[in-house]
Protein backbone atom coordinates (compact mmCIF):
# COMPACT_ATOMS: atom_id res chain seq x y z
CA MET A 1 -38.90 -2.73 14.50
CA ARG A 2 -37.50 -5.67 15.18
CA PHE A 3 -34.47 -6.53 12.58
CA LEU A 4 -31.65 -8.79 11.25
CA ALA A 5 -29.68 -11.21 13.37
CA GLN A 6 -26.37 -12.15 11.26
CA GLY A 7 -28.16 -12.88 8.32
CA GLY A 8 -31.15 -14.56 9.14
CA VAL A 9 -34.22 -12.57 10.99
CA GLU A 10 -34.25 -12.38 14.67
CA GLY A 11 -36.74 -14.73 16.30
CA SER A 12 -37.45 -16.18 13.57
CA SER A 13 -37.75 -20.30 13.94
CA PRO A 14 -35.56 -21.88 11.27
CA LEU A 15 -37.45 -25.29 12.24
CA LEU A 16 -40.64 -23.78 12.28
CA ASN A 17 -40.15 -23.00 8.53
CA ILE A 18 -38.87 -26.06 7.62
CA SER A 19 -41.97 -27.60 8.90
CA ILE A 20 -44.21 -26.17 7.18
CA PHE A 21 -42.31 -26.62 4.07
CA ALA A 22 -41.76 -29.86 5.04
CA ILE A 23 -46.04 -30.33 5.51
CA PHE A 24 -46.92 -28.68 2.01
CA VAL A 25 -44.16 -31.12 0.40
CA ILE A 26 -45.23 -34.17 1.85
CA ILE A 27 -49.02 -32.72 0.83
CA THR A 28 -48.04 -31.86 -2.96
CA LEU A 29 -45.80 -35.40 -2.99
CA ALA A 30 -49.04 -37.38 -1.95
CA ILE A 31 -51.35 -35.41 -4.52
CA VAL A 32 -48.25 -35.91 -7.56
CA ILE A 33 -48.13 -39.64 -6.55
CA ARG A 34 -52.37 -40.29 -6.05
CA VAL A 35 -52.92 -38.62 -9.96
CA SER A 36 -49.88 -40.05 -11.26
CA LYS A 37 -51.59 -43.15 -11.23
CA LYS A 38 -54.28 -42.60 -13.31
CA ALA A 39 -52.50 -41.33 -15.98
CA SER A 40 -51.25 -43.34 -18.41
CA SER A 41 -47.63 -44.06 -19.80
CA GLY A 42 -47.59 -41.50 -23.67
CA ALA A 43 -46.76 -38.61 -24.29
CA SER A 44 -49.75 -37.55 -24.49
CA ASP A 45 -50.37 -37.52 -20.82
CA PHE A 46 -47.10 -36.76 -19.79
CA TYR A 47 -46.91 -33.87 -21.99
CA THR A 48 -50.45 -32.70 -21.88
CA ALA A 49 -52.06 -34.67 -19.69
CA GLY A 50 -54.17 -35.74 -22.23
CA GLY A 51 -55.25 -32.48 -22.84
CA GLY A 52 -58.17 -33.37 -19.94
CA PHE A 53 -58.28 -30.03 -18.14
CA SER A 54 -61.15 -27.38 -17.55
CA GLY A 55 -60.58 -23.70 -18.51
CA PRO A 56 -60.43 -22.59 -15.20
CA GLN A 57 -58.59 -25.36 -13.64
CA ASN A 58 -55.77 -24.49 -16.50
CA GLY A 59 -55.84 -20.93 -15.70
CA ILE A 60 -55.64 -21.37 -12.50
CA ALA A 61 -52.60 -23.34 -13.12
CA ILE A 62 -51.10 -20.85 -15.43
CA SER A 63 -51.58 -18.07 -12.85
CA GLY A 64 -49.47 -20.48 -10.70
CA ASP A 65 -47.15 -20.62 -13.55
CA TYR A 66 -46.89 -17.63 -14.13
CA LEU A 67 -46.29 -16.15 -10.76
CA SER A 68 -43.09 -17.05 -10.04
CA ALA A 69 -40.93 -16.44 -7.01
CA ALA A 70 -40.43 -12.68 -9.55
CA SER A 71 -43.41 -11.96 -8.63
CA PHE A 72 -43.97 -12.51 -5.28
CA LEU A 73 -40.83 -11.85 -3.83
CA GLY A 74 -39.07 -9.66 -7.19
CA ILE A 75 -41.91 -7.32 -7.41
CA ALA A 76 -42.09 -6.46 -3.61
CA GLY A 77 -38.94 -5.84 -3.14
CA ALA A 78 -38.84 -3.64 -5.95
CA ILE A 79 -42.27 -1.70 -5.28
CA ALA A 80 -40.22 -1.25 -1.69
CA LEU A 81 -37.27 0.14 -2.95
CA TYR A 82 -38.31 2.05 -5.78
CA GLY A 83 -41.90 2.58 -5.62
CA TYR A 84 -43.31 3.41 -8.69
CA ASP A 85 -40.21 1.76 -10.79
CA GLY A 86 -40.92 -1.62 -9.28
CA PHE A 87 -44.78 -1.17 -10.18
CA LEU A 88 -43.99 -1.13 -13.77
CA TYR A 89 -43.17 -4.74 -13.46
CA SER A 90 -46.62 -5.50 -12.42
CA ILE A 91 -48.02 -3.37 -15.25
CA GLY A 92 -45.63 -4.87 -17.92
CA PHE A 93 -46.48 -8.69 -16.80
CA LEU A 94 -50.37 -8.07 -16.71
CA VAL A 95 -50.67 -6.05 -20.31
CA ALA A 96 -48.20 -8.66 -21.30
CA TRP A 97 -51.12 -10.73 -21.41
CA LEU A 98 -53.67 -9.06 -23.93
CA VAL A 99 -50.83 -10.56 -26.75
CA ALA A 100 -50.99 -13.77 -25.52
CA LEU A 101 -54.77 -14.42 -25.63
CA LEU A 102 -55.53 -12.14 -28.46
CA LEU A 103 -52.71 -13.33 -30.94
CA VAL A 104 -51.41 -16.47 -29.67
CA ALA A 105 -53.57 -18.77 -27.34
CA GLU A 106 -56.60 -20.40 -29.51
CA LEU A 107 -54.45 -19.92 -32.39
CA LEU A 108 -51.21 -21.95 -30.90
CA ARG A 109 -53.99 -24.39 -29.22
CA ASN A 110 -55.56 -25.39 -32.78
CA THR A 111 -52.41 -25.70 -34.68
CA GLY A 112 -50.02 -27.89 -32.02
CA ARG A 113 -49.75 -31.14 -30.66
CA TYR A 114 -47.35 -30.04 -27.45
CA THR A 115 -44.54 -27.93 -27.73
CA MET A 116 -43.61 -24.62 -29.62
CA GLY A 117 -42.22 -26.82 -32.29
CA ASP A 118 -44.97 -28.06 -33.74
CA VAL A 119 -46.68 -24.68 -34.63
CA LEU A 120 -43.20 -23.38 -36.17
CA ALA A 121 -43.03 -26.52 -38.40
CA PHE A 122 -46.19 -27.11 -39.55
CA ARG A 123 -45.40 -25.66 -42.61
CA MET A 124 -41.75 -25.41 -42.45
CA ARG A 125 -38.71 -27.80 -42.86
CA GLN A 126 -39.67 -30.69 -40.13
CA ARG A 127 -35.49 -31.00 -38.60
CA PRO A 128 -33.93 -27.50 -39.30
CA VAL A 129 -37.06 -25.59 -37.59
CA ARG A 130 -37.47 -28.25 -34.48
CA ALA A 131 -33.81 -27.95 -33.75
CA ALA A 132 -34.26 -24.07 -33.74
CA ALA A 133 -37.43 -24.07 -31.61
CA ALA A 134 -35.97 -26.51 -28.41
CA THR A 135 -32.71 -24.46 -28.80
CA SER A 136 -34.23 -21.60 -27.95
CA THR A 137 -36.90 -22.69 -25.52
CA LEU A 138 -34.00 -24.28 -23.54
CA ALA A 139 -32.54 -21.17 -23.67
CA VAL A 140 -35.61 -19.12 -22.42
CA SER A 141 -35.85 -22.07 -20.24
CA PHE A 142 -32.44 -22.14 -18.37
CA PHE A 143 -32.82 -18.04 -17.71
CA TYR A 144 -36.20 -18.39 -15.83
CA LEU A 145 -34.69 -21.76 -13.34
CA LEU A 146 -31.71 -19.41 -12.73
CA ALA A 147 -33.93 -16.47 -11.43
CA GLN A 148 -36.16 -19.31 -9.52
CA MET A 149 -32.70 -20.74 -8.04
CA ALA A 150 -31.60 -17.48 -7.18
CA GLY A 151 -34.94 -17.03 -5.58
CA ALA A 152 -34.54 -20.12 -2.93
CA GLY A 153 -30.91 -19.50 -2.03
CA GLY A 154 -32.19 -15.93 -1.10
CA LEU A 155 -35.38 -17.35 0.60
CA VAL A 156 -33.63 -20.11 2.44
CA ALA A 157 -30.92 -18.09 4.00
CA LEU A 158 -33.11 -15.87 5.34
CA LEU A 159 -35.14 -18.09 6.92
CA LEU A 160 -33.31 -20.77 7.89
CA ASP A 161 -29.78 -18.28 8.70
CA VAL A 162 -27.83 -20.34 6.67
CA LYS A 163 -25.25 -17.49 6.11
CA SER A 164 -22.38 -19.44 4.22
CA LYS A 165 -22.55 -19.27 0.05
CA THR A 166 -22.22 -23.26 0.92
CA GLY A 167 -25.05 -23.74 3.01
CA GLN A 168 -27.36 -21.89 0.28
CA SER A 169 -25.99 -23.97 -2.66
CA ILE A 170 -26.85 -27.23 -0.69
CA VAL A 171 -30.73 -25.80 -0.57
CA ILE A 172 -30.30 -24.98 -4.33
CA ALA A 173 -29.42 -28.19 -4.54
CA ILE A 174 -32.62 -29.87 -2.59
CA VAL A 175 -35.13 -27.50 -4.57
CA GLY A 176 -33.44 -28.91 -7.78
CA ALA A 177 -33.73 -32.48 -6.81
CA LEU A 178 -37.41 -31.99 -5.51
CA MET A 179 -38.63 -30.15 -9.32
CA ILE A 180 -36.72 -33.32 -10.70
CA ALA A 181 -39.33 -35.77 -8.36
CA TYR A 182 -42.01 -33.85 -9.36
CA VAL A 183 -41.73 -34.17 -12.58
CA LEU A 184 -40.48 -37.70 -13.01
CA ILE A 185 -43.29 -38.81 -10.90
CA GLY A 186 -46.36 -36.61 -12.11
CA GLY A 187 -45.57 -35.32 -15.53
CA MET A 188 -47.95 -32.71 -16.77
CA ARG A 189 -50.79 -33.86 -14.79
CA GLY A 190 -49.07 -34.31 -11.35
CA THR A 191 -47.38 -30.63 -12.38
CA THR A 192 -50.42 -29.17 -13.00
CA TRP A 193 -51.82 -30.24 -9.49
CA VAL A 194 -48.90 -28.50 -7.90
CA GLN A 195 -49.76 -25.19 -9.50
CA ILE A 196 -53.12 -25.29 -8.84
CA ILE A 197 -52.37 -25.38 -5.22
CA LYS A 198 -49.44 -23.33 -5.65
CA ALA A 199 -51.97 -20.27 -7.15
CA VAL A 200 -54.65 -20.52 -4.31
CA LEU A 201 -52.04 -20.57 -1.43
CA LEU A 202 -50.73 -17.63 -2.99
CA ILE A 203 -52.98 -15.68 -3.99
CA VAL A 204 -54.53 -15.94 -0.61
CA GLY A 205 -51.76 -15.43 1.26
CA ALA A 206 -50.75 -12.59 -0.68
CA GLY A 207 -54.11 -11.37 -0.04
CA VAL A 208 -54.01 -11.56 4.30
CA MET A 209 -50.78 -10.07 4.44
CA THR A 210 -52.39 -7.00 1.92
CA LEU A 211 -55.31 -6.56 4.18
CA TRP A 212 -53.69 -6.71 6.82
CA VAL A 213 -51.29 -4.13 5.65
CA LEU A 214 -54.03 -1.96 4.76
CA ALA A 215 -55.95 -2.64 8.14
CA LEU A 216 -52.53 -0.96 9.98
CA SER A 217 -52.62 2.71 7.65
CA GLY A 218 -57.11 2.14 8.37
CA PHE A 219 -57.70 1.11 4.56
CA ASN A 220 -56.07 4.56 3.51
CA LEU A 221 -53.70 3.66 0.53
CA SER A 222 -52.51 7.58 0.19
CA ALA A 223 -51.78 6.52 4.05
CA LEU A 224 -49.57 3.94 3.46
CA MET A 225 -47.95 5.09 0.73
CA GLY A 226 -46.87 8.57 3.03
CA ASP A 227 -45.46 6.34 5.61
CA ALA A 228 -43.29 4.52 3.51
CA VAL A 229 -42.37 8.48 1.88
CA ALA A 230 -41.34 9.01 5.57
CA HIS A 231 -39.36 6.20 6.17
CA VAL A 232 -36.84 7.11 3.31
CA GLY A 233 -36.99 10.76 4.95
CA SER A 234 -36.27 13.47 2.27
CA ALA A 235 -35.76 11.37 -1.21
CA GLY A 236 -38.84 9.40 -0.34
CA GLU A 237 -40.52 11.76 -2.56
CA LYS A 238 -38.91 9.87 -5.55
CA LEU A 239 -41.10 6.41 -4.66
CA LEU A 240 -44.22 7.92 -5.90
CA ALA A 241 -43.14 9.61 -9.04
CA PRO A 242 -41.55 7.85 -11.60
CA GLY A 243 -37.23 8.49 -12.47
CA ALA A 244 -36.50 6.41 -8.80
CA GLN A 245 -34.30 3.55 -10.84
CA TYR A 246 -35.01 4.22 -14.25
CA GLY A 247 -34.76 7.65 -14.25
CA LYS A 248 -30.96 8.90 -13.20
CA SER A 249 -29.89 9.70 -16.86
CA GLY A 250 -30.06 8.71 -20.92
CA THR A 251 -29.31 5.39 -20.12
CA THR A 252 -31.58 4.15 -17.77
CA ARG A 253 -34.87 5.94 -19.51
CA LEU A 254 -33.84 3.46 -22.30
CA ASP A 255 -33.31 0.96 -20.41
CA PHE A 256 -36.83 1.55 -18.82
CA ILE A 257 -38.07 1.54 -22.33
CA SER A 258 -35.96 -2.05 -23.44
CA LEU A 259 -37.44 -4.10 -20.13
CA GLY A 260 -41.49 -2.23 -21.16
CA LEU A 261 -40.88 -3.72 -24.68
CA ALA A 262 -39.06 -7.16 -23.17
CA LEU A 263 -42.77 -7.71 -20.81
CA VAL A 264 -45.41 -6.65 -22.27
CA LEU A 265 -44.14 -9.16 -25.37
CA GLY A 266 -42.04 -11.83 -23.56
CA THR A 267 -45.19 -13.95 -22.54
CA ALA A 268 -46.45 -14.39 -25.62
CA GLY A 269 -43.12 -16.05 -26.47
CA LEU A 270 -42.56 -17.68 -22.93
CA PRO A 271 -42.80 -21.77 -24.07
CA HIS A 272 -43.24 -23.04 -20.57
CA ILE A 273 -46.94 -20.64 -20.94
CA LEU A 274 -46.94 -21.79 -24.75
CA MET A 275 -47.19 -25.67 -23.65
CA ARG A 276 -50.75 -24.75 -20.88
CA PHE A 277 -52.84 -24.14 -24.18
CA TYR A 278 -52.17 -28.01 -24.98
CA THR A 279 -53.75 -28.90 -21.72
CA VAL A 280 -57.21 -27.78 -22.61
CA PRO A 281 -59.60 -30.19 -25.06
CA THR A 282 -60.70 -27.34 -27.03
CA ALA A 283 -59.57 -23.80 -28.31
CA LYS A 284 -62.41 -22.27 -25.96
CA GLU A 285 -61.75 -24.23 -22.98
CA ALA A 286 -57.63 -22.39 -24.09
CA ARG A 287 -59.52 -19.03 -24.52
CA ARG A 288 -61.20 -19.35 -21.11
CA SER A 289 -57.70 -20.42 -19.99
CA VAL A 290 -56.33 -17.28 -20.25
CA THR A 291 -59.25 -15.34 -18.66
CA TRP A 292 -59.16 -16.60 -15.61
CA ALA A 293 -55.72 -16.45 -15.76
CA ILE A 294 -55.76 -12.65 -16.49
CA TRP A 295 -58.43 -11.79 -13.75
CA LEU A 296 -56.39 -13.88 -11.53
CA ILE A 297 -53.10 -12.64 -11.93
CA GLY A 298 -54.13 -8.85 -12.15
CA ILE A 299 -55.56 -9.20 -9.01
CA PHE A 300 -52.46 -10.79 -7.31
CA TYR A 301 -50.28 -7.89 -8.78
CA LEU A 302 -52.88 -5.27 -7.42
CA PHE A 303 -51.92 -6.67 -4.13
CA THR A 304 -48.39 -6.49 -4.27
CA LEU A 305 -48.88 -2.48 -4.45
CA VAL A 306 -49.62 -2.97 -1.03
CA LEU A 307 -47.69 -5.24 -0.37
CA GLY A 308 -44.46 -3.34 -2.06
CA TYR A 309 -45.26 0.40 -0.17
CA GLY A 310 -46.14 -1.58 2.44
CA ALA A 311 -42.80 -3.23 3.15
CA GLY A 312 -40.76 -0.14 2.55
CA ALA A 313 -43.05 1.60 5.68
CA ILE A 314 -42.90 -0.79 8.08
CA VAL A 315 -39.67 -3.20 7.68
CA GLY A 316 -37.97 0.39 5.27
CA PRO A 317 -35.23 0.11 2.48
CA ASP A 318 -32.18 -0.14 4.68
CA ALA A 319 -33.55 -3.36 6.38
CA ILE A 320 -34.67 -4.57 2.89
CA LYS A 321 -31.25 -4.02 1.39
CA LYS A 322 -28.84 -5.40 4.22
CA ALA A 323 -30.74 -8.28 3.89
CA PRO A 324 -29.67 -11.36 2.83
CA GLY A 325 -31.34 -11.43 -0.79
CA ALA A 326 -31.81 -8.19 -0.73
CA ALA A 327 -35.03 -6.95 -2.49
CA ASN A 328 -36.28 -10.28 -2.51
CA SER A 329 -36.41 -10.19 0.97
CA ALA A 330 -39.06 -7.84 1.47
CA ALA A 331 -42.11 -9.73 1.75
CA PRO A 332 -40.74 -12.49 4.08
CA LEU A 333 -39.45 -9.67 6.22
CA LEU A 334 -42.81 -7.85 6.00
CA ALA A 335 -44.73 -11.29 6.82
CA TYR A 336 -42.64 -11.08 10.55
CA GLU A 337 -43.01 -7.75 11.40
CA LEU A 338 -47.23 -8.33 10.79
CA GLY A 339 -47.49 -11.96 12.30
CA GLY A 340 -43.85 -13.28 13.47
CA THR A 341 -42.76 -16.55 13.55
CA VAL A 342 -45.90 -18.38 12.24
CA LEU A 343 -46.86 -15.93 9.32
CA LEU A 344 -43.11 -16.02 8.15
CA GLY A 345 -43.37 -19.30 8.40
CA LEU A 346 -46.08 -19.67 6.45
CA ILE A 347 -45.15 -17.56 3.52
CA ALA A 348 -41.96 -18.87 3.00
CA ALA A 349 -43.52 -22.14 2.36
CA VAL A 350 -45.54 -20.30 -0.31
CA ALA A 351 -42.37 -19.15 -1.23
CA PHE A 352 -41.28 -22.18 -1.92
CA ALA A 353 -44.20 -23.39 -2.99
CA THR A 354 -44.23 -21.02 -5.72
CA ILE A 355 -40.36 -21.65 -6.41
CA LEU A 356 -41.13 -25.28 -6.49
CA ALA A 357 -44.13 -25.08 -9.08
CA VAL A 358 -42.75 -23.38 -11.60
CA VAL A 359 -39.23 -24.86 -11.81
CA ALA A 360 -41.12 -28.31 -12.24
CA GLY A 361 -43.49 -26.56 -15.32
CA LEU A 362 -39.83 -24.86 -16.81
CA THR A 363 -38.35 -28.71 -16.30
CA ILE A 364 -41.10 -30.26 -17.68
CA THR A 365 -41.31 -27.87 -21.14
CA ALA A 366 -37.77 -28.60 -22.02
CA SER A 367 -37.91 -31.85 -21.40
CA ALA A 368 -40.86 -31.83 -23.60
CA SER A 369 -38.99 -29.64 -26.40
CA PHE A 370 -36.02 -31.96 -26.54
CA ALA A 371 -37.37 -35.16 -26.29
CA HIS A 372 -40.29 -34.22 -29.15
CA ASP A 373 -38.52 -31.75 -31.19
CA ILE A 374 -35.23 -32.82 -31.01
CA TYR A 375 -34.70 -36.74 -30.50
CA ILE A 376 -37.85 -37.62 -32.46
CA ASN A 377 -38.14 -35.25 -34.93
CA VAL A 378 -34.37 -34.16 -35.82
CA ILE A 379 -32.44 -36.81 -34.61
CA LYS A 380 -34.53 -40.10 -35.48
CA HIS A 381 -36.62 -38.26 -38.31
CA GLY A 382 -39.54 -39.68 -36.98
CA GLN A 383 -38.52 -42.92 -37.34
CA VAL A 384 -38.81 -44.87 -34.02
CA GLN A 385 -40.06 -47.45 -32.48
CA ASP A 386 -42.72 -47.37 -29.70
CA GLU A 387 -42.41 -44.03 -29.95
CA GLN A 388 -44.65 -42.91 -27.45
CA HIS A 389 -42.68 -44.61 -24.78
CA THR A 390 -39.31 -44.00 -25.81
CA GLU A 391 -40.16 -40.30 -26.15
CA VAL A 392 -41.27 -40.23 -23.08
CA LYS A 393 -37.66 -41.92 -21.47
CA ILE A 394 -36.25 -39.22 -23.51
CA ALA A 395 -38.15 -36.83 -21.71
CA ARG A 396 -37.30 -38.17 -18.45
CA ARG A 397 -33.63 -38.60 -18.82
CA THR A 398 -33.41 -34.50 -20.00
CA ALA A 399 -35.55 -33.29 -17.36
CA VAL A 400 -32.55 -35.09 -14.60
CA VAL A 401 -29.74 -33.03 -16.92
CA ILE A 402 -31.97 -29.61 -16.76
CA GLY A 403 -32.28 -30.14 -13.05
CA ILE A 404 -28.64 -30.54 -12.46
CA VAL A 405 -27.76 -27.10 -14.77
CA ALA A 406 -30.43 -25.41 -13.35
CA ILE A 407 -29.05 -26.03 -9.32
CA LEU A 408 -25.79 -25.00 -11.57
CA GLY A 409 -26.40 -21.85 -12.38
CA GLY A 410 -28.71 -20.78 -9.30
CA ILE A 411 -25.46 -21.25 -7.41
CA LEU A 412 -24.22 -18.56 -9.84
CA ALA A 413 -26.87 -16.11 -10.05
CA ASN A 414 -27.58 -16.22 -5.87
CA GLY A 415 -28.37 -12.99 -4.45
CA GLN A 416 -29.29 -11.15 -7.97
CA ASN A 417 -32.76 -9.53 -8.05
CA ILE A 418 -35.04 -12.37 -9.75
CA ALA A 419 -37.61 -9.93 -10.73
CA PHE A 420 -35.16 -8.89 -12.99
CA LEU A 421 -33.82 -12.09 -14.02
CA VAL A 422 -37.42 -13.29 -15.09
CA ALA A 423 -37.11 -9.83 -17.23
CA LEU A 424 -33.37 -11.15 -19.12
CA ALA A 425 -36.03 -14.51 -19.68
CA PHE A 426 -38.67 -12.91 -21.20
CA ALA A 427 -36.20 -10.73 -23.59
CA VAL A 428 -35.31 -14.17 -24.98
CA ALA A 429 -39.00 -14.99 -25.10
CA ALA A 430 -39.98 -12.02 -27.36
CA SER A 431 -36.68 -11.73 -29.25
CA ALA A 432 -36.61 -15.49 -30.02
CA ASN A 433 -39.66 -16.76 -30.05
CA LEU A 434 -42.54 -14.28 -30.59
CA PRO A 435 -41.71 -12.32 -34.12
CA THR A 436 -41.07 -16.38 -35.74
CA ILE A 437 -44.34 -17.31 -34.16
CA LEU A 438 -46.77 -14.33 -35.30
CA TYR A 439 -44.62 -14.50 -38.76
CA SER A 440 -46.03 -18.52 -38.94
CA LEU A 441 -49.49 -17.71 -37.85
CA PHE A 442 -50.09 -14.59 -39.68
CA TRP A 443 -47.51 -14.51 -42.73
CA LYS A 444 -47.96 -16.33 -45.67
CA ARG A 445 -44.95 -15.37 -47.70
CA PHE A 446 -42.73 -16.90 -44.31
CA ASN A 447 -40.15 -19.59 -45.09
CA THR A 448 -37.74 -22.02 -43.47
CA ASN A 449 -35.11 -19.67 -43.57
CA GLY A 450 -36.19 -16.38 -42.15
CA ALA A 451 -37.82 -18.48 -39.04
CA LEU A 452 -34.09 -19.85 -38.60
CA TRP A 453 -32.72 -16.48 -39.61
CA SER A 454 -35.51 -14.90 -36.78
CA ILE A 455 -34.84 -17.72 -34.17
CA TYR A 456 -30.97 -18.28 -34.14
CA GLY A 457 -30.66 -13.95 -35.00
CA GLY A 458 -32.95 -13.47 -32.11
CA LEU A 459 -31.30 -15.67 -29.71
CA THR A 460 -27.75 -14.86 -30.38
CA ILE A 461 -28.10 -10.90 -30.78
CA THR A 462 -29.86 -11.38 -27.00
CA LEU A 463 -27.76 -13.49 -25.47
CA VAL A 464 -24.68 -11.60 -26.77
CA LEU A 465 -26.10 -8.26 -25.72
CA ILE A 466 -26.63 -9.68 -22.28
CA ILE A 467 -23.40 -11.46 -21.80
CA PHE A 468 -21.50 -8.03 -22.33
CA SER A 469 -24.46 -6.10 -20.28
CA PRO A 470 -23.74 -4.27 -16.71
CA VAL A 471 -26.13 -7.23 -15.83
CA VAL A 472 -22.81 -9.90 -16.04
CA SER A 473 -20.17 -7.38 -14.95
CA GLY A 474 -18.55 -3.76 -14.45
CA LYS A 475 -21.66 -2.46 -12.75
CA PRO A 476 -20.33 -0.38 -9.03
CA VAL A 477 -20.52 -1.31 -5.64
CA ASP A 478 -23.19 -0.60 -3.32
CA PRO A 479 -22.09 1.03 -0.32
CA ALA A 480 -25.19 -0.60 1.48
CA THR A 481 -24.29 -4.34 0.49
CA GLY A 482 -20.70 -3.71 -0.51
CA ARG A 483 -20.58 -5.61 -3.23
CA SER A 484 -21.92 -4.78 -6.96
CA ASN A 485 -25.33 -5.83 -8.31
CA SER A 486 -23.46 -7.72 -11.41
CA MET A 487 -23.42 -11.38 -11.48
CA LEU A 488 -19.85 -11.79 -11.74
CA GLN A 489 -17.85 -10.07 -8.68
CA GLY A 490 -14.60 -7.86 -9.32
CA VAL A 491 -14.33 -7.88 -13.39
CA ASP A 492 -15.45 -5.10 -15.97
CA PHE A 493 -16.12 -6.63 -19.92
CA HIS A 494 -18.92 -4.98 -20.83
CA TRP A 495 -19.94 -3.11 -23.83
CA PHE A 496 -24.08 -2.60 -23.68
CA PRO A 497 -24.98 0.35 -21.85
CA LEU A 498 -28.66 -1.12 -21.49
CA ASP A 499 -29.33 -3.87 -18.61
CA ASN A 500 -32.08 -5.91 -20.86
CA PRO A 501 -31.58 -6.31 -24.58
CA GLY A 502 -35.25 -6.04 -25.91
CA LEU A 503 -35.18 -2.90 -27.26
CA ILE A 504 -32.46 -3.54 -29.72
CA SER A 505 -33.44 -7.37 -30.17
CA ILE A 506 -36.67 -7.47 -30.27
CA PRO A 507 -36.92 -5.37 -33.50
CA ALA A 508 -33.79 -7.11 -34.85
CA SER A 509 -35.39 -10.10 -34.52
CA PHE A 510 -38.63 -8.92 -36.40
CA LEU A 511 -36.12 -7.53 -39.00
CA LEU A 512 -34.28 -10.85 -39.51
CA GLY A 513 -37.32 -13.24 -39.76
CA TYR A 514 -38.57 -10.67 -42.68
CA LEU A 515 -34.72 -10.59 -44.18
CA GLY A 516 -34.32 -13.96 -43.79
CA THR A 517 -37.41 -14.72 -45.77
CA VAL A 518 -37.47 -12.64 -48.79
CA LEU A 519 -33.55 -12.81 -49.57
CA SER A 520 -34.63 -16.24 -49.79
CA LYS A 521 -35.36 -18.32 -52.48
CA ASP A 522 -37.37 -20.87 -50.47
CA LYS A 523 -40.51 -21.38 -51.79
CA ALA A 524 -43.36 -20.59 -48.67
CA ASN A 525 -46.13 -23.68 -48.75
CA LYS A 526 -49.23 -22.01 -49.64
CA GLU A 527 -51.04 -25.32 -49.61
CA LYS A 528 -49.98 -26.27 -46.06
CA TYR A 529 -50.29 -22.24 -45.03
CA ALA A 530 -54.19 -22.63 -46.04
CA GLU A 531 -54.66 -25.57 -44.03
CA MET A 532 -53.02 -23.69 -41.20
CA GLU A 533 -54.40 -20.68 -41.47
CA VAL A 534 -58.63 -22.77 -41.93
CA ARG A 535 -57.07 -25.01 -38.43
CA SER A 536 -55.49 -22.42 -36.63
CA LEU A 537 -59.03 -19.68 -36.74
CA THR A 538 -61.67 -22.64 -36.75
CA GLY A 539 -60.28 -25.48 -34.98
CA VAL A 540 -61.24 -28.22 -38.24
CA GLY A 541 -58.57 -30.67 -38.01
CA VAL A 542 -57.59 -30.50 -34.57
CA GLU A 543 -58.73 -33.48 -33.11
CA LYS A 544 -57.30 -35.60 -35.67
CA ALA A 545 -54.00 -34.21 -35.49
CA VAL A 546 -53.89 -34.58 -31.59
CA GLN A 547 -54.75 -38.46 -31.48
CA HIS A 548 -52.71 -38.84 -34.59
């Protein structure tokens, strides 16, 4: 088996890898520039492409937004190293879409205009609720951006033989600069087309590799899994049963339950996914979007099962652990073993495309939330001359700031397992956003005080538990890599035992929303709730609100 050479892949061509990626960037930038010429200068076009995408188009774009670096790099690596337990990420990410389809997609599309704050503020006091919604949106976007940027650093270290942390940091900065360019030039319209192209490339690329791996094992999945077990040796049987990663103790079993809750409930609270429901003209198209997304995402996650066990069988867990980026390198290493330099370069370009498309979607969502919710409605009380032009200008400036913050955070998180970092973003979304959204849509008595308790309380609890968890400090040094799997090396200030806080933070947020409501003297606006109920369920009045 060909092996790693001083941080890169022996025999790989950094020049070829850069060239393929450069071609992708040039083509997508050309498309973004072209579609941007058709766009108006208003907020509706910048944020939601004027609602001009069809359900299938938006469904493909949603899958492009959702199938992040965590899905392609992190999950394949987790399956290669942990087998059954790694595949639980795929199951959790996929099942989560049923919650989004049944409880959120259509109702959200009928109720809001641009952001999650529009929905939450529909029958609440505008300023405090919009400020809270924007704060939560920025927090979720930051954690998600951390994961994508960490993926960029590890991928470049592997493909371009960039061994120094300084070199990897420079590449992360370049990815951040490209992300900002996509958003500033194309807005949501350009970003959506990048996501559509990336989704097609990713699913086709993963499909080709899946067929290739299956062909090597005679299209016998059992034989492939047996080869992965054999590669590990006597401990390989753990790959086929629960417990390799989450069955070592009572604490790790609780961690699995916590992770599962975060994954299943987090999708319906992810602001960059929720915002995509506004890019279609009707609620019916929003439902079609989710249906298309479920099929595409489900097919892709079946591919990850084959790719993960294929990487375990062909590359081997020891080689994966020693590679730059560790688990995140499993898919690129498998590509090299299958098709050499050319396939590695192509898969590298797809992985970069994945990162760029997702970070662009996150950036436009976060900047829209700040400009629309905080600047226009909180700071300026909705009283702005030439509101549309001003709002877009503020959103563009915010995108630059978010890009810089994402670059700095990505440098700090470089080397972490990105599937796990994304799971933290899901925990924040499930704790701070989902309870408030569900209460707003379905509980007549819910009021502003309950919304603030739920958002700020859930966000605070989640962030505190993450900061003082083993994810940030305190994990033992891994003999295979010589470093701890915690973000901060050489320190230990953790007291919360679980890696993912969802088991505590999600129920706590639901409870806080309830207590904040029943203990408050605020009276719910029953008239606005009745209007919201009719609009969310029937769509009556939606077009008038969107045109406003």
